[in-house]
Amino acid sequence: MTKKYPITSIEDGLSENDQNSWPELNRQLSDQKIVSIGDDLTVTNPKLIDQFAKNGSISGVIIKMNQIGTISETIEAIKAAKENNLQIIISHRGSETTDTTLVDLAVACGADYIKVGPTRGERVCKYNRLMAIEDLLVKR
C-alpha cells in the first residue's frame, strides 16, 4: 500500500498492546520516509512519549490537550516530543467546542501539523483562527 499511494504518515499502525512490534514497524516505515505516529500508544503522556521515542517505536506523536488533563501537562508532553525530535501533531478530540485555544497552542509550540477535522461549525472556527494568526504573522 505504501508503494502504491503517497502515504507520508501512519497513525497507530499497530495496537497499543503490541508494544514489541512498534520499533520494527517504525524502522520499516522510516526506510520509506513515512512517519510512524503514536496516539493510543502514548496518550499525550510525557513519560510514554519519551519511552517510545527512545526505544524507536515512533517518529511522531499526536498531542491532545484535553487527553492529559491540563495545559501544563500538555506542554510537558510537547517538550518530551521536541527533546526526542518527534514530529508533533496537535489534535482535536471527538467532542469539540468552538474554543480555539488548540490552534494557538499549535502555533505557539511550532507544531508540525494541526488536526481539527472536517468542516463543521466547531471546527470552522479553528480554521478561521489559524487564518487570522497567519494574517497577523504576515503583517509583521
Protein backbone atom coordinates (compact mmCIF):
# COMPACT_ATOMS: atom_id res chain seq x y z
CA MET A 1 0.00 0.00 0.00
CA THR A 2 2.81 2.44 0.84
CA LYS A 3 4.40 1.81 -2.54
CA LYS A 4 1.13 2.35 -4.42
CA TYR A 5 -0.04 5.51 -2.61
CA PRO A 6 1.91 8.62 -1.49
CA ILE A 7 1.50 7.96 2.24
CA THR A 8 3.53 10.30 4.46
CA SER A 9 2.45 9.08 7.90
CA ILE A 10 0.62 6.27 9.64
CA GLU A 11 -1.14 6.89 12.94
CA ASP A 12 -1.39 3.97 15.37
CA GLY A 13 -0.14 1.46 12.81
CA LEU A 14 -0.35 -1.28 15.44
CA SER A 15 -2.33 -1.95 18.59
CA GLU A 16 -1.04 -0.17 21.67
CA ASN A 17 -0.94 -3.64 23.24
CA ASP A 18 1.61 -4.87 20.67
CA GLN A 19 4.47 -2.75 22.00
CA ASN A 20 7.18 -5.21 20.95
CA SER A 21 6.36 -4.79 17.24
CA TRP A 22 6.33 -0.97 17.14
CA PRO A 23 10.12 -0.48 16.77
CA GLU A 24 10.20 -2.80 13.74
CA LEU A 25 7.22 -1.03 12.15
CA ASN A 26 8.88 2.35 12.72
CA ARG A 27 12.14 1.09 11.18
CA GLN A 28 10.34 -0.20 8.08
CA LEU A 29 8.31 3.00 7.70
CA SER A 30 11.35 5.22 8.28
CA ASP A 31 13.16 3.40 5.47
CA GLN A 32 10.33 4.66 3.21
CA LYS A 33 10.37 8.15 4.78
CA ILE A 34 6.98 7.53 6.40
CA VAL A 35 6.35 8.87 9.91
CA SER A 36 5.09 6.34 12.47
CA ILE A 37 2.77 8.34 14.73
CA GLY A 38 1.78 7.29 18.23
CA ASP A 39 -1.62 8.29 19.55
CA ASP A 40 -3.25 5.49 21.54
CA LEU A 41 0.27 4.24 22.32
CA THR A 42 1.37 7.47 24.01
CA VAL A 43 -1.93 9.11 25.12
CA THR A 44 -0.26 12.57 25.42
CA ASN A 45 1.75 11.25 28.37
CA PRO A 46 5.28 12.73 28.54
CA LYS A 47 6.76 9.58 30.11
CA LEU A 48 5.25 7.33 27.44
CA ILE A 49 6.29 9.71 24.67
CA ASP A 50 9.86 9.64 25.97
CA GLN A 51 9.84 5.85 26.44
CA PHE A 52 8.51 5.01 22.98
CA ALA A 53 10.69 7.60 21.24
CA LYS A 54 13.81 6.28 22.96
CA ASN A 55 13.06 2.63 22.08
CA GLY A 56 12.49 3.55 18.42
CA SER A 57 8.75 2.88 18.35
CA ILE A 58 7.64 6.25 16.97
CA SER A 59 8.88 9.18 14.91
CA GLY A 60 5.83 11.37 15.51
CA VAL A 61 3.19 11.89 18.17
CA ILE A 62 -0.37 13.13 18.50
CA ILE A 63 -0.86 15.66 21.30
CA LYS A 64 -4.42 16.12 22.60
CA MET A 65 -4.72 18.90 25.14
CA ASN A 66 -7.78 17.50 26.91
CA GLN A 67 -6.41 13.96 26.97
CA ILE A 68 -3.66 14.52 29.54
CA GLY A 69 -5.71 16.94 31.63
CA THR A 70 -4.00 20.32 31.95
CA ILE A 71 -2.22 22.82 29.73
CA SER A 72 0.92 22.40 31.86
CA GLU A 73 0.91 18.64 31.29
CA THR A 74 0.28 19.22 27.60
CA ILE A 75 3.34 21.46 27.43
CA GLU A 76 5.39 18.75 29.18
CA ALA A 77 4.24 16.26 26.53
CA ILE A 78 5.27 18.70 23.78
CA LYS A 79 8.67 19.18 25.46
CA ALA A 80 9.17 15.39 25.58
CA ALA A 81 8.34 15.17 21.88
CA LYS A 82 10.71 18.01 20.97
CA GLU A 83 13.54 16.57 23.08
CA ASN A 84 13.19 13.33 21.10
CA ASN A 85 12.97 15.09 17.70
CA LEU A 86 9.48 13.75 17.04
CA GLN A 87 7.05 15.30 14.60
CA ILE A 88 4.26 16.92 16.58
CA ILE A 89 0.61 16.88 15.59
CA ILE A 90 -1.69 18.93 17.82
CA SER A 91 -5.10 17.28 17.55
CA HIS A 92 -8.73 17.82 18.42
CA ARG A 93 -10.84 15.24 20.23
CA GLY A 94 -14.12 13.76 19.09
CA SER A 95 -16.32 16.09 21.12
CA GLU A 96 -15.15 19.61 20.33
CA THR A 97 -16.36 23.09 21.17
CA THR A 98 -15.81 26.41 19.43
CA ASP A 99 -12.83 27.21 21.68
CA THR A 100 -9.74 27.95 19.57
CA THR A 101 -7.01 27.51 22.20
CA LEU A 102 -5.88 24.38 20.36
CA VAL A 103 -4.86 26.49 17.35
CA ASP A 104 -2.91 28.98 19.46
CA LEU A 105 -1.12 26.08 21.17
CA ALA A 106 -0.17 24.52 17.83
CA VAL A 107 1.27 27.79 16.54
CA ALA A 108 2.98 28.68 19.83
CA CYS A 109 4.77 25.33 20.13
CA GLY A 110 5.73 25.20 16.46
CA ALA A 111 3.79 22.00 15.82
CA ASP A 112 4.46 20.30 12.50
CA TYR A 113 0.74 19.75 11.92
CA ILE A 114 -2.64 20.53 13.40
CA LYS A 115 -5.57 18.15 13.11
CA VAL A 116 -9.00 19.67 13.62
CA GLY A 117 -11.24 17.53 11.46
CA PRO A 118 -13.81 18.22 8.74
CA THR A 119 -15.62 21.50 8.26
CA ARG A 120 -18.31 21.62 10.92
CA GLY A 121 -19.15 24.69 13.00
CA GLU A 122 -16.94 23.89 15.99
CA ARG A 123 -14.06 23.19 13.63
CA VAL A 124 -14.52 26.03 11.14
CA CYS A 125 -13.79 28.48 13.96
CA LYS A 126 -10.42 26.75 14.41
CA TYR A 127 -9.61 27.13 10.71
CA ASN A 128 -10.67 30.78 10.91
CA ARG A 129 -8.39 31.33 13.92
CA LEU A 130 -5.49 29.69 12.07
CA MET A 131 -6.01 32.05 9.12
CA ALA A 132 -6.25 35.05 11.47
CA ILE A 133 -2.91 34.08 13.06
CA GLU A 134 -1.39 33.74 9.60
CA ASP A 135 -2.60 37.25 8.74
CA LEU A 136 -1.04 38.62 11.94
CA LEU A 137 2.28 36.91 11.24
CA VAL A 138 2.38 38.05 7.61
CA LYS A 139 1.88 41.67 8.70
CA ARG A 140 4.97 41.54 10.95
